Amino acid sequence: MVSRQSVPVTRMAGLQRAARMAGESFGYEDARIGAEPGLDWLHTRGLWWLAATAAGAGLVLLHFS
């Protein structure tokens, strides 16, 4: 029987490993941020919204140009 997978198993394993490593790095980053007692969460949230707004504006600019 012929395999009909569009992605070979070796590539899929590499993609899964890369995704797992990326998830682990984000997990460590979250743990580090949560451990800082003097972190101003309102200021941090504002920076994330600013970054998201800038990214959205860039995507809109690319879409309509």
Protein backbone atom coordinates (compact mmCIF):
# COMPACT_ATOMS: atom_id res chain seq x y z
CA MET A 1 0.00 0.00 0.00
CA VAL A 2 1.29 3.44 -0.90
CA SER A 3 1.62 6.06 1.83
CA ARG A 4 -0.30 9.24 1.05
CA GLN A 5 1.30 11.47 3.65
CA SER A 6 2.22 14.88 2.28
CA VAL A 7 4.99 15.28 4.88
CA PRO A 8 7.41 12.41 5.40
CA VAL A 9 7.71 11.03 8.92
CA THR A 10 11.26 12.34 9.39
CA ARG A 11 10.21 15.90 8.58
CA MET A 12 7.18 15.62 10.85
CA ALA A 13 9.40 14.47 13.71
CA GLY A 14 11.65 17.49 13.13
CA LEU A 15 8.67 19.83 13.13
CA GLN A 16 7.33 18.31 16.33
CA ARG A 17 10.73 18.64 18.00
CA ALA A 18 11.01 22.30 16.91
CA ALA A 19 7.51 23.05 18.21
CA ARG A 20 8.29 21.35 21.52
CA MET A 21 11.51 23.35 21.90
CA ALA A 22 9.69 26.59 21.08
CA GLY A 23 7.00 25.78 23.64
CA GLU A 24 9.60 25.03 26.27
CA SER A 25 11.38 28.32 25.64
CA PHE A 26 8.13 30.24 25.99
CA GLY A 27 7.35 28.31 29.16
CA TYR A 28 10.67 29.30 30.70
CA GLU A 29 10.07 32.90 29.72
CA ASP A 30 6.67 32.93 31.42
CA ALA A 31 8.13 31.38 34.56
CA ARG A 32 10.86 34.02 34.69
CA ILE A 33 8.39 36.90 34.30
CA GLY A 34 6.08 35.49 36.97
CA ALA A 35 8.98 35.25 39.42
CA GLU A 36 9.73 38.99 39.34
CA PRO A 37 7.90 40.58 42.30
CA GLY A 38 8.23 44.20 41.19
CA LEU A 39 6.81 43.74 37.70
CA ASP A 40 4.13 46.26 36.72
CA TRP A 41 1.55 44.09 34.93
CA LEU A 42 -0.44 47.06 33.62
CA HIS A 43 2.64 48.51 31.95
CA THR A 44 3.59 45.12 30.49
CA ARG A 45 0.09 44.61 29.10
CA GLY A 46 0.24 48.08 27.52
CA LEU A 47 3.50 47.22 25.78
CA TRP A 48 1.97 44.00 24.39
CA TRP A 49 -1.03 45.95 23.08
CA LEU A 50 1.30 48.51 21.50
CA ALA A 51 3.30 45.76 19.80
CA ALA A 52 0.11 44.04 18.59
CA THR A 53 -1.26 47.33 17.23
CA ALA A 54 1.99 48.07 15.39
CA ALA A 55 2.03 44.56 13.92
CA GLY A 56 -1.60 44.86 12.84
CA ALA A 57 -0.96 48.23 11.22
CA GLY A 58 2.01 46.77 9.38
CA LEU A 59 -0.08 43.87 8.08
CA VAL A 60 -2.82 46.25 6.92
CA LEU A 61 -0.21 48.40 5.19
CA LEU A 62 1.27 45.37 3.44
CA HIS A 63 -2.18 44.11 2.44
CA PHE A 64 -3.31 47.34 0.81
CA SER A 65 -0.04 48.34 -0.86
